Amino acid sequence: MAFTTCALIVTFMTITTAAIFGEPNNNHFQRFPPRMHKIHHIKPKFSMPDFDREDFLPPMPHMPRMPHMPPMPSMPEMPSIPAMPSMPDMPSIPAMPPLTHDLIRAHVAGDNEKYSGSSYSSHSHSTIINGKETFEGSVSSLINDGHHVEEKIMEYGN
């Protein structure tokens, strides 16, 4: 805001000066910038302090020199780090067959066996044929606590 105001004032003063002190043939905007031979310099009402004078700042009190820093002790030798031992080979674990709904449903817990198995699955399908949308799907859950099997199936669609 301040820069815009200053720019406007300077522009107005330049145009006014060109109109007042223009060329002798009264074509005030022929020469830019205008001749400035009749402008009087204005002295500011304040003066800046002279920072280069020696008596500008008060004298500083005498400051003693700082003592020299003693020599630093040398770093102790770093102990050697033993190499990392090689890792033993991982034992091979046989692949497990996938547990299907039928295996979870058919398992019966034996003596001293605590068994709990569950399986959840869902699917959905939708089509748009001749602008008509059809959709269908189902959600099924199977829970076997070792003795009792609970199976729920929910189907939806139009």
N, C-alpha and C. Protein backbone atom coordinates (compact mmCIF):
# COMPACT_ATOMS: atom_id res chain seq x y z
N MET A 1 0.83 -1.18 0.00
CA MET A 1 0.00 0.00 0.00
C MET A 1 0.87 1.24 0.00
N ALA A 2 1.92 1.25 0.84
CA ALA A 2 2.79 2.43 0.92
C ALA A 2 3.55 2.62 -0.39
N PHE A 3 4.00 1.52 -0.98
CA PHE A 3 4.73 1.61 -2.25
C PHE A 3 3.83 2.16 -3.34
N THR A 4 2.58 1.72 -3.40
CA THR A 4 1.64 2.21 -4.42
C THR A 4 1.37 3.69 -4.22
N THR A 5 1.19 4.13 -2.96
CA THR A 5 0.96 5.54 -2.69
C THR A 5 2.16 6.37 -3.12
N CYS A 6 3.37 5.92 -2.80
CA CYS A 6 4.58 6.65 -3.20
C CYS A 6 4.70 6.70 -4.72
N ALA A 7 4.38 5.60 -5.39
CA ALA A 7 4.48 5.58 -6.85
C ALA A 7 3.49 6.56 -7.47
N LEU A 8 2.29 6.64 -6.91
CA LEU A 8 1.30 7.57 -7.43
C LEU A 8 1.72 9.02 -7.20
N ILE A 9 2.27 9.33 -6.04
CA ILE A 9 2.72 10.70 -5.74
C ILE A 9 3.85 11.10 -6.67
N VAL A 10 4.82 10.21 -6.87
CA VAL A 10 5.95 10.52 -7.75
C VAL A 10 5.46 10.72 -9.18
N THR A 11 4.52 9.89 -9.63
CA THR A 11 3.98 10.04 -10.98
C THR A 11 3.25 11.38 -11.12
N PHE A 12 2.43 11.75 -10.15
CA PHE A 12 1.71 13.02 -10.20
C PHE A 12 2.69 14.19 -10.20
N MET A 13 3.74 14.11 -9.36
CA MET A 13 4.71 15.21 -9.30
C MET A 13 5.46 15.32 -10.63
N THR A 14 5.77 14.21 -11.27
CA THR A 14 6.48 14.25 -12.55
C THR A 14 5.61 14.89 -13.62
N ILE A 15 4.33 14.50 -13.67
CA ILE A 15 3.43 15.09 -14.67
C ILE A 15 3.24 16.57 -14.41
N THR A 16 3.06 16.96 -13.14
CA THR A 16 2.88 18.38 -12.80
C THR A 16 4.13 19.17 -13.14
N THR A 17 5.30 18.64 -12.83
CA THR A 17 6.55 19.33 -13.13
C THR A 17 6.72 19.49 -14.64
N ALA A 18 6.33 18.47 -15.39
CA ALA A 18 6.44 18.57 -16.85
C ALA A 18 5.49 19.63 -17.38
N ALA A 19 4.32 19.76 -16.76
CA ALA A 19 3.37 20.78 -17.21
C ALA A 19 3.85 22.19 -16.87
N ILE A 20 4.51 22.36 -15.71
CA ILE A 20 4.94 23.70 -15.29
C ILE A 20 6.25 24.09 -15.96
N PHE A 21 7.23 23.19 -15.95
CA PHE A 21 8.57 23.52 -16.44
C PHE A 21 8.83 22.84 -17.78
N GLY A 22 7.88 22.82 -18.66
CA GLY A 22 8.01 22.16 -19.94
C GLY A 22 8.90 22.93 -20.91
N GLU A 23 8.85 22.55 -22.14
CA GLU A 23 9.65 23.18 -23.19
C GLU A 23 9.17 24.60 -23.46
N PRO A 24 10.01 25.45 -24.02
CA PRO A 24 9.61 26.84 -24.27
C PRO A 24 8.47 26.96 -25.28
N ASN A 25 8.27 26.01 -26.15
CA ASN A 25 7.21 26.14 -27.16
C ASN A 25 5.86 25.66 -26.61
N ASN A 26 5.72 25.56 -25.27
CA ASN A 26 4.49 25.21 -24.56
C ASN A 26 3.99 23.80 -24.87
N ASN A 27 4.82 22.98 -25.46
CA ASN A 27 4.47 21.57 -25.60
C ASN A 27 5.00 20.86 -24.36
N HIS A 28 4.18 20.80 -23.33
CA HIS A 28 4.65 20.40 -22.00
C HIS A 28 5.06 18.93 -21.92
N PHE A 29 4.52 18.05 -22.75
CA PHE A 29 4.82 16.63 -22.63
C PHE A 29 5.75 16.13 -23.74
N GLN A 30 6.47 17.07 -24.40
CA GLN A 30 7.36 16.67 -25.48
C GLN A 30 8.63 16.05 -24.93
N ARG A 31 9.15 16.57 -23.84
CA ARG A 31 10.40 16.10 -23.28
C ARG A 31 10.13 15.40 -21.96
N PHE A 32 10.69 14.19 -21.81
CA PHE A 32 10.54 13.49 -20.53
C PHE A 32 11.88 12.85 -20.19
N PRO A 33 12.45 13.07 -19.07
CA PRO A 33 11.94 13.92 -18.00
C PRO A 33 12.10 15.40 -18.34
N PRO A 34 11.32 16.26 -17.71
CA PRO A 34 11.39 17.69 -18.03
C PRO A 34 12.70 18.32 -17.58
N ARG A 35 13.02 19.47 -18.11
CA ARG A 35 14.21 20.20 -17.65
C ARG A 35 13.97 20.67 -16.23
N MET A 36 14.96 20.49 -15.40
CA MET A 36 14.81 20.78 -13.98
C MET A 36 15.63 22.00 -13.57
N HIS A 37 15.81 22.99 -14.44
CA HIS A 37 16.69 24.10 -14.10
C HIS A 37 16.03 25.11 -13.17
N LYS A 38 14.70 25.09 -12.98
CA LYS A 38 14.05 26.06 -12.11
C LYS A 38 13.56 25.45 -10.80
N ILE A 39 13.85 24.18 -10.56
CA ILE A 39 13.39 23.54 -9.32
C ILE A 39 14.40 23.84 -8.22
N HIS A 40 13.90 24.28 -7.07
CA HIS A 40 14.75 24.57 -5.91
C HIS A 40 14.82 23.34 -5.04
N HIS A 41 16.00 23.07 -4.55
CA HIS A 41 16.17 21.91 -3.68
C HIS A 41 15.63 22.23 -2.30
N ILE A 42 14.92 21.27 -1.73
CA ILE A 42 14.34 21.45 -0.40
C ILE A 42 15.23 20.70 0.58
N LYS A 43 15.63 21.39 1.65
CA LYS A 43 16.46 20.77 2.67
C LYS A 43 15.55 20.06 3.67
N PRO A 44 15.93 18.85 4.08
CA PRO A 44 15.09 18.17 5.07
C PRO A 44 15.15 18.89 6.42
N LYS A 45 14.11 18.71 7.24
CA LYS A 45 14.03 19.37 8.54
C LYS A 45 14.84 18.64 9.60
N PHE A 46 15.33 17.46 9.30
CA PHE A 46 16.12 16.71 10.26
C PHE A 46 17.41 16.29 9.58
N SER A 47 18.38 15.96 10.39
CA SER A 47 19.65 15.51 9.83
C SER A 47 19.97 14.13 10.40
N MET A 48 20.57 13.32 9.58
CA MET A 48 20.96 11.98 10.02
C MET A 48 22.22 12.07 10.87
N PRO A 49 22.34 11.23 11.90
CA PRO A 49 23.56 11.27 12.71
C PRO A 49 24.76 10.80 11.88
N ASP A 50 25.89 11.33 12.22
CA ASP A 50 27.13 10.96 11.52
C ASP A 50 27.74 9.76 12.23
N PHE A 51 27.53 8.59 11.65
CA PHE A 51 28.00 7.35 12.29
C PHE A 51 29.52 7.19 12.19
N ASP A 52 30.16 7.93 11.33
CA ASP A 52 31.60 7.77 11.14
C ASP A 52 32.42 8.56 12.16
N ARG A 53 31.80 9.41 12.90
CA ARG A 53 32.54 10.18 13.90
C ARG A 53 33.03 9.26 15.00
N GLU A 54 34.21 9.55 15.53
CA GLU A 54 34.77 8.69 16.58
C GLU A 54 34.05 8.86 17.91
N ASP A 55 33.50 10.05 18.16
CA ASP A 55 32.83 10.29 19.44
C ASP A 55 31.32 9.97 19.37
N PHE A 56 30.91 9.30 18.32
CA PHE A 56 29.49 8.97 18.18
C PHE A 56 29.08 7.96 19.26
N LEU A 57 29.89 6.91 19.49
CA LEU A 57 29.60 5.91 20.52
C LEU A 57 30.44 6.19 21.75
N PRO A 58 29.94 5.87 22.94
CA PRO A 58 30.75 6.08 24.14
C PRO A 58 31.94 5.12 24.11
N PRO A 59 33.01 5.45 24.82
CA PRO A 59 34.17 4.56 24.82
C PRO A 59 33.83 3.22 25.49
N MET A 60 34.41 2.19 24.97
CA MET A 60 34.18 0.85 25.51
C MET A 60 35.13 0.61 26.68
N PRO A 61 34.67 -0.11 27.73
CA PRO A 61 35.58 -0.41 28.83
C PRO A 61 36.64 -1.41 28.36
N HIS A 62 37.75 -1.45 29.06
CA HIS A 62 38.82 -2.37 28.70
C HIS A 62 38.39 -3.80 29.00
N MET A 63 38.49 -4.63 28.00
CA MET A 63 38.11 -6.03 28.15
C MET A 63 39.40 -6.87 28.11
N PRO A 64 39.62 -7.71 29.14
CA PRO A 64 40.83 -8.55 29.10
C PRO A 64 40.68 -9.60 28.00
N ARG A 65 41.81 -10.04 27.48
CA ARG A 65 41.80 -11.07 26.44
C ARG A 65 41.37 -12.40 27.05
N MET A 66 40.75 -13.18 26.23
CA MET A 66 40.35 -14.51 26.67
C MET A 66 41.60 -15.39 26.73
N PRO A 67 41.65 -16.33 27.71
CA PRO A 67 42.83 -17.20 27.78
C PRO A 67 42.83 -18.16 26.59
N HIS A 68 44.01 -18.62 26.25
CA HIS A 68 44.13 -19.58 25.16
C HIS A 68 43.53 -20.91 25.57
N MET A 69 42.96 -21.57 24.64
CA MET A 69 42.35 -22.86 24.91
C MET A 69 43.45 -23.92 25.02
N PRO A 70 43.36 -24.78 26.04
CA PRO A 70 44.40 -25.82 26.16
C PRO A 70 44.25 -26.82 25.01
N PRO A 71 45.33 -27.51 24.68
CA PRO A 71 45.23 -28.48 23.59
C PRO A 71 44.27 -29.61 23.97
N MET A 72 43.53 -30.04 23.00
CA MET A 72 42.55 -31.12 23.23
C MET A 72 43.29 -32.45 23.27
N PRO A 73 42.84 -33.37 24.16
CA PRO A 73 43.49 -34.68 24.18
C PRO A 73 43.12 -35.45 22.91
N SER A 74 44.00 -36.32 22.51
CA SER A 74 43.72 -37.09 21.30
C SER A 74 42.64 -38.13 21.60
N MET A 75 41.92 -38.49 20.58
CA MET A 75 40.84 -39.47 20.73
C MET A 75 41.44 -40.84 21.01
N PRO A 76 40.82 -41.61 21.92
CA PRO A 76 41.34 -42.96 22.17
C PRO A 76 41.06 -43.83 20.95
N GLU A 77 41.84 -44.86 20.79
CA GLU A 77 41.66 -45.75 19.66
C GLU A 77 40.37 -46.54 19.84
N MET A 78 39.61 -46.60 18.78
CA MET A 78 38.32 -47.28 18.84
C MET A 78 38.54 -48.79 18.86
N PRO A 79 37.78 -49.50 19.71
CA PRO A 79 37.94 -50.96 19.72
C PRO A 79 37.37 -51.54 18.44
N SER A 80 37.93 -52.64 18.02
CA SER A 80 37.44 -53.27 16.80
C SER A 80 36.13 -54.00 17.10
N ILE A 81 35.24 -53.95 16.15
CA ILE A 81 33.93 -54.60 16.31
C ILE A 81 34.02 -55.96 15.62
N PRO A 82 33.66 -57.02 16.34
CA PRO A 82 33.77 -58.34 15.71
C PRO A 82 32.79 -58.46 14.55
N ALA A 83 33.16 -59.27 13.59
CA ALA A 83 32.31 -59.48 12.43
C ALA A 83 31.05 -60.24 12.84
N MET A 84 29.99 -59.98 12.13
CA MET A 84 28.72 -60.63 12.41
C MET A 84 28.82 -62.11 12.00
N PRO A 85 28.41 -63.02 12.89
CA PRO A 85 28.49 -64.44 12.50
C PRO A 85 27.47 -64.72 11.40
N SER A 86 27.75 -65.70 10.61
CA SER A 86 26.83 -66.05 9.53
C SER A 86 25.58 -66.68 10.13
N MET A 87 24.48 -66.40 9.49
CA MET A 87 23.20 -66.90 9.98
C MET A 87 23.02 -68.35 9.53
N PRO A 88 22.44 -69.19 10.40
CA PRO A 88 22.20 -70.58 9.97
C PRO A 88 21.09 -70.60 8.91
N ASP A 89 21.10 -71.62 8.11
CA ASP A 89 20.07 -71.77 7.09
C ASP A 89 18.72 -72.00 7.76
N MET A 90 17.72 -71.39 7.17
CA MET A 90 16.37 -71.57 7.70
C MET A 90 15.88 -72.97 7.35
N PRO A 91 15.25 -73.64 8.29
CA PRO A 91 14.73 -74.98 7.97
C PRO A 91 13.57 -74.85 6.97
N SER A 92 13.43 -75.82 6.13
CA SER A 92 12.34 -75.77 5.16
C SER A 92 11.06 -76.22 5.84
N ILE A 93 10.02 -75.44 5.65
CA ILE A 93 8.72 -75.74 6.24
C ILE A 93 7.84 -76.25 5.11
N PRO A 94 7.26 -77.42 5.27
CA PRO A 94 6.41 -77.93 4.18
C PRO A 94 5.18 -77.05 4.00
N ALA A 95 4.71 -76.96 2.77
CA ALA A 95 3.54 -76.14 2.47
C ALA A 95 2.31 -76.79 3.08
N MET A 96 1.43 -75.96 3.59
CA MET A 96 0.20 -76.46 4.19
C MET A 96 -0.89 -76.48 3.14
N PRO A 97 -1.71 -77.49 3.14
CA PRO A 97 -2.83 -77.50 2.20
C PRO A 97 -3.85 -76.43 2.62
N PRO A 98 -4.55 -75.83 1.69
CA PRO A 98 -5.52 -74.80 2.06
C PRO A 98 -6.69 -75.40 2.83
N LEU A 99 -7.19 -74.64 3.77
CA LEU A 99 -8.35 -75.07 4.54
C LEU A 99 -9.60 -74.59 3.82
N THR A 100 -10.40 -75.50 3.41
CA THR A 100 -11.61 -75.15 2.69
C THR A 100 -12.80 -75.20 3.64
N HIS A 101 -13.97 -74.77 3.14
CA HIS A 101 -15.20 -74.85 3.93
C HIS A 101 -15.46 -76.28 4.40
N ASP A 102 -15.25 -77.20 3.48
CA ASP A 102 -15.55 -78.60 3.81
C ASP A 102 -14.66 -79.14 4.91
N LEU A 103 -13.36 -78.80 4.88
CA LEU A 103 -12.45 -79.28 5.93
C LEU A 103 -12.79 -78.67 7.29
N ILE A 104 -13.13 -77.38 7.30
CA ILE A 104 -13.48 -76.73 8.58
C ILE A 104 -14.80 -77.30 9.09
N ARG A 105 -15.75 -77.52 8.20
CA ARG A 105 -17.06 -78.04 8.60
C ARG A 105 -16.94 -79.47 9.15
N ALA A 106 -16.06 -80.30 8.55
CA ALA A 106 -16.00 -81.72 8.89
C ALA A 106 -15.14 -82.03 10.10
N HIS A 107 -14.32 -81.09 10.57
CA HIS A 107 -13.39 -81.40 11.66
C HIS A 107 -14.13 -81.54 12.98
N VAL A 108 -13.80 -82.59 13.71
CA VAL A 108 -14.36 -82.82 15.05
C VAL A 108 -13.18 -82.88 16.00
N ALA A 109 -13.25 -82.11 17.08
CA ALA A 109 -12.14 -82.07 18.04
C ALA A 109 -12.04 -83.40 18.78
N GLY A 110 -10.79 -83.87 18.96
CA GLY A 110 -10.55 -85.12 19.68
C GLY A 110 -10.38 -84.85 21.16
N ASP A 111 -9.94 -85.90 21.90
CA ASP A 111 -9.69 -85.75 23.33
C ASP A 111 -8.52 -84.79 23.54
N ASN A 112 -8.62 -83.94 24.55
CA ASN A 112 -7.60 -82.94 24.91
C ASN A 112 -7.25 -82.02 23.73
N GLU A 113 -8.20 -81.82 22.84
CA GLU A 113 -7.96 -80.92 21.71
C GLU A 113 -8.98 -79.79 21.77
N LYS A 114 -8.45 -78.58 21.65
CA LYS A 114 -9.34 -77.41 21.58
C LYS A 114 -9.24 -76.89 20.16
N TYR A 115 -10.35 -76.91 19.47
CA TYR A 115 -10.34 -76.50 18.06
C TYR A 115 -11.37 -75.39 17.86
N SER A 116 -10.98 -74.44 17.08
CA SER A 116 -11.90 -73.36 16.70
C SER A 116 -11.53 -72.96 15.27
N GLY A 117 -12.48 -73.04 14.36
CA GLY A 117 -12.23 -72.66 12.98
C GLY A 117 -13.36 -71.81 12.45
N SER A 118 -13.03 -70.87 11.59
CA SER A 118 -14.07 -70.03 10.99
C SER A 118 -13.66 -69.68 9.57
N SER A 119 -14.68 -69.44 8.75
CA SER A 119 -14.45 -69.07 7.37
C SER A 119 -15.56 -68.13 6.95
N TYR A 120 -15.18 -67.04 6.28
CA TYR A 120 -16.13 -66.06 5.80
C TYR A 120 -15.85 -65.82 4.32
N SER A 121 -16.90 -65.74 3.53
CA SER A 121 -16.71 -65.44 2.11
C SER A 121 -17.90 -64.64 1.61
N SER A 122 -17.65 -63.88 0.55
CA SER A 122 -18.72 -63.09 -0.05
C SER A 122 -18.43 -62.94 -1.54
N HIS A 123 -19.50 -62.69 -2.30
CA HIS A 123 -19.32 -62.40 -3.71
C HIS A 123 -20.49 -61.53 -4.15
N SER A 124 -20.28 -60.77 -5.21
CA SER A 124 -21.35 -59.96 -5.77
C SER A 124 -21.14 -59.87 -7.28
N HIS A 125 -22.25 -59.59 -7.97
CA HIS A 125 -22.20 -59.53 -9.42
C HIS A 125 -23.32 -58.58 -9.86
N SER A 126 -23.02 -57.72 -10.82
CA SER A 126 -24.05 -56.83 -11.36
C SER A 126 -23.83 -56.66 -12.84
N THR A 127 -24.95 -56.47 -13.57
CA THR A 127 -24.90 -56.22 -15.02
C THR A 127 -25.93 -55.17 -15.38
N ILE A 128 -25.68 -54.49 -16.48
CA ILE A 128 -26.64 -53.55 -17.04
C ILE A 128 -26.89 -54.01 -18.48
N ILE A 129 -28.11 -54.47 -18.73
CA ILE A 129 -28.48 -54.96 -20.06
C ILE A 129 -29.69 -54.16 -20.52
N ASN A 130 -29.54 -53.46 -21.64
CA ASN A 130 -30.60 -52.61 -22.19
C ASN A 130 -31.12 -51.61 -21.17
N GLY A 131 -30.22 -51.05 -20.38
CA GLY A 131 -30.58 -50.03 -19.40
C GLY A 131 -31.14 -50.59 -18.11
N LYS A 132 -31.33 -51.90 -18.00
CA LYS A 132 -31.85 -52.51 -16.77
C LYS A 132 -30.69 -53.12 -15.99
N GLU A 133 -30.59 -52.71 -14.73
CA GLU A 133 -29.50 -53.20 -13.89
C GLU A 133 -29.98 -54.39 -13.08
N THR A 134 -29.18 -55.43 -13.09
CA THR A 134 -29.45 -56.59 -12.25
C THR A 134 -28.22 -56.84 -11.39
N PHE A 135 -28.48 -57.25 -10.15
CA PHE A 135 -27.36 -57.53 -9.25
C PHE A 135 -27.74 -58.68 -8.34
N GLU A 136 -26.74 -59.39 -7.90
CA GLU A 136 -26.94 -60.49 -6.97
C GLU A 136 -25.65 -60.70 -6.18
N GLY A 137 -25.75 -61.36 -5.08
CA GLY A 137 -24.59 -61.64 -4.27
C GLY A 137 -24.96 -62.50 -3.08
N SER A 138 -23.93 -62.89 -2.33
CA SER A 138 -24.17 -63.68 -1.12
C SER A 138 -23.01 -63.49 -0.16
N VAL A 139 -23.31 -63.71 1.10
CA VAL A 139 -22.31 -63.67 2.17
C VAL A 139 -22.52 -64.94 2.98
N SER A 140 -21.45 -65.65 3.25
CA SER A 140 -21.58 -66.88 4.04
C SER A 140 -20.54 -66.88 5.16
N SER A 141 -20.95 -67.44 6.27
CA SER A 141 -20.03 -67.58 7.40
C SER A 141 -20.16 -68.99 7.95
N LEU A 142 -19.03 -69.54 8.34
CA LEU A 142 -18.97 -70.90 8.88
C LEU A 142 -18.13 -70.84 10.14
N ILE A 143 -18.69 -71.29 11.26
CA ILE A 143 -17.97 -71.28 12.54
C ILE A 143 -18.05 -72.68 13.13
N ASN A 144 -16.87 -73.25 13.44
CA ASN A 144 -16.79 -74.59 14.04
C ASN A 144 -16.01 -74.43 15.34
N ASP A 145 -16.66 -74.75 16.47
CA ASP A 145 -15.96 -74.63 17.76
C ASP A 145 -15.41 -75.98 18.21
N GLY A 146 -15.37 -76.96 17.32
CA GLY A 146 -14.82 -78.28 17.65
C GLY A 146 -15.89 -79.31 17.81
N HIS A 147 -17.10 -78.90 18.22
CA HIS A 147 -18.18 -79.86 18.42
C HIS A 147 -19.44 -79.42 17.68
N HIS A 148 -19.62 -78.15 17.57
CA HIS A 148 -20.86 -77.63 16.97
C HIS A 148 -20.48 -76.76 15.76
N VAL A 149 -21.18 -76.96 14.66
CA VAL A 149 -20.91 -76.19 13.43
C VAL A 149 -22.10 -75.28 13.18
N GLU A 150 -21.80 -73.98 13.00
CA GLU A 150 -22.85 -73.00 12.70
C GLU A 150 -22.53 -72.39 11.33
N GLU A 151 -23.50 -72.49 10.42
CA GLU A 151 -23.28 -71.96 9.07
C GLU A 151 -24.45 -71.02 8.73
N LYS A 152 -24.11 -69.81 8.25
CA LYS A 152 -25.11 -68.82 7.86
C LYS A 152 -24.83 -68.38 6.44
N ILE A 153 -25.91 -68.31 5.63
CA ILE A 153 -25.77 -67.84 4.26
C ILE A 153 -26.84 -66.79 4.03
N MET A 154 -26.41 -65.66 3.50
CA MET A 154 -27.36 -64.60 3.17
C MET A 154 -27.19 -64.28 1.68
N GLU A 155 -28.29 -64.34 0.96
CA GLU A 155 -28.26 -64.03 -0.47
C GLU A 155 -29.12 -62.81 -0.73
N TYR A 156 -28.73 -62.01 -1.69
CA TYR A 156 -29.49 -60.82 -2.06
C TYR A 156 -29.43 -60.65 -3.57
N GLY A 157 -30.33 -59.85 -4.07
CA GLY A 157 -30.38 -59.58 -5.50
C GLY A 157 -31.76 -59.17 -5.93
N ASN A 158 -31.89 -58.84 -7.20
CA ASN A 158 -33.21 -58.47 -7.71
C ASN A 158 -33.67 -59.43 -8.78
